[in-house]
C-alpha atoms as a PDB file:
ATOM      1  CA  UNK A   1       0.000   0.000   0.000  1.00  0.00           C
ATOM      2  CA  UNK A   2       1.492   3.337  -1.085  1.00  0.00           C
ATOM      3  CA  UNK A   3       0.088   6.834  -0.683  1.00  0.00           C
ATOM      4  CA  UNK A   4       1.136   9.527  -3.147  1.00  0.00           C
ATOM      5  CA  UNK A   5       0.478  12.941  -1.636  1.00  0.00           C
ATOM      6  CA  UNK A   6      -1.023  15.599  -3.841  1.00  0.00           C
ATOM      7  CA  UNK A   7       1.930  17.824  -2.933  1.00  0.00           C
ATOM      8  CA  UNK A   8       4.114  15.502  -5.047  1.00  0.00           C
ATOM      9  CA  UNK A   9       5.021  17.096  -8.392  1.00  0.00           C
ATOM     10  CA  UNK A  10       2.820  15.564 -11.142  1.00  0.00           C
ATOM     11  CA  UNK A  11       1.001  13.456  -8.546  1.00  0.00           C
ATOM     12  CA  UNK A  12      -1.774  12.356 -10.927  1.00  0.00           C
ATOM     13  CA  UNK A  13       0.769  11.152 -13.462  1.00  0.00           C
ATOM     14  CA  UNK A  14       2.718   9.337 -10.726  1.00  0.00           C
ATOM     15  CA  UNK A  15      -0.443   7.564  -9.553  1.00  0.00           C
ATOM     16  CA  UNK A  16      -1.523   6.668 -13.081  1.00  0.00           C
ATOM     17  CA  UNK A  17       1.858   5.244 -14.092  1.00  0.00           C
ATOM     18  CA  UNK A  18       2.352   3.402 -10.797  1.00  0.00           C
ATOM     19  CA  UNK A  19      -1.071   1.739 -10.998  1.00  0.00           C
ATOM     20  CA  UNK A  20      -0.361   0.590 -14.558  1.00  0.00           C
ATOM     21  CA  UNK A  21       3.060  -0.774 -13.630  1.00  0.00           C
ATOM     22  CA  UNK A  22       2.198  -2.537 -10.369  1.00  0.00           C
ATOM     23  CA  UNK A  23      -1.548  -3.198 -10.665  1.00  0.00           C
ATOM     24  CA  UNK A  24      -2.488  -6.212  -8.594  1.00  0.00           C
ATOM     25  CA  UNK A  25       0.732  -6.141  -6.564  1.00  0.00           C
ATOM     26  CA  UNK A  26       0.498  -2.761  -4.833  1.00  0.00           C
ATOM     27  CA  UNK A  27      -2.487  -0.689  -3.712  1.00  0.00           C
ATOM     28  CA  UNK A  28      -1.970   2.974  -4.686  1.00  0.00           C
ATOM     29  CA  UNK A  29      -3.851   5.908  -3.251  1.00  0.00           C
ATOM     30  CA  UNK A  30      -3.831   9.682  -3.013  1.00  0.00           C
ATOM     31  CA  UNK A  31      -3.162  11.703   0.111  1.00  0.00           C
ATOM     32  CA  UNK A  32      -3.532  15.290   1.235  1.00  0.00           C
ATOM     33  CA  UNK A  33      -6.783  15.455  -0.738  1.00  0.00           C
ATOM     34  CA  UNK A  34      -8.505  18.683   0.234  1.00  0.00           C
ATOM     35  CA  UNK A  35     -11.582  18.882  -2.019  1.00  0.00           C
ATOM     36  CA  UNK A  36     -14.015  16.716  -3.999  1.00  0.00           C
ATOM     37  CA  UNK A  37     -12.601  17.762  -7.371  1.00  0.00           C
ATOM     38  CA  UNK A  38      -9.134  16.534  -6.445  1.00  0.00           C
ATOM     39  CA  UNK A  39     -10.588  13.272  -5.123  1.00  0.00           C
ATOM     40  CA  UNK A  40     -12.437  12.739  -8.408  1.00  0.00           C
ATOM     41  CA  UNK A  41      -9.294  13.413 -10.449  1.00  0.00           C
ATOM     42  CA  UNK A  42      -7.337  10.996  -8.250  1.00  0.00           C
ATOM     43  CA  UNK A  43      -9.907   8.258  -8.772  1.00  0.00           C
ATOM     44  CA  UNK A  44      -9.897   8.856 -12.524  1.00  0.00           C
ATOM     45  CA  UNK A  45      -6.076   8.562 -12.454  1.00  0.00           C
ATOM     46  CA  UNK A  46      -6.446   5.158 -10.794  1.00  0.00           C
ATOM     47  CA  UNK A  47      -6.154   5.881  -7.075  1.00  0.00           C
ATOM     48  CA  UNK A  48      -7.613   3.018  -5.086  1.00  0.00           C
ATOM     49  CA  UNK A  49      -8.004   4.953  -1.848  1.00  0.00           C
ATOM     50  CA  UNK A  50      -8.137   8.594  -0.722  1.00  0.00           C
ATOM     51  CA  UNK A  51      -6.620  10.133   2.420  1.00  0.00           C
ATOM     52  CA  UNK A  52      -7.792  13.508   3.648  1.00  0.00           C
ATOM     53  CA  UNK A  53      -6.753  15.501   6.722  1.00  0.00           C
ATOM     54  CA  UNK A  54     -10.396  16.564   7.283  1.00  0.00           C
ATOM     55  CA  UNK A  55     -13.944  15.471   6.473  1.00  0.00           C
ATOM     56  CA  UNK A  56     -16.667  17.879   5.395  1.00  0.00           C
ATOM     57  CA  UNK A  57     -19.826  15.831   4.754  1.00  0.00           C
END
């Protein structure tokens, strides 16, 4: 399980390429997700989980 924080340069590209390369062997997710739009983009890039410092239902 690996979390790529959204503060990482080109985080969406990192997630997308990592999921393609290690799909089935490693679970990749996105961290430091601060809004719904970022979460949606992460999921579209292939993130399999989302980590957020806060929750606003």
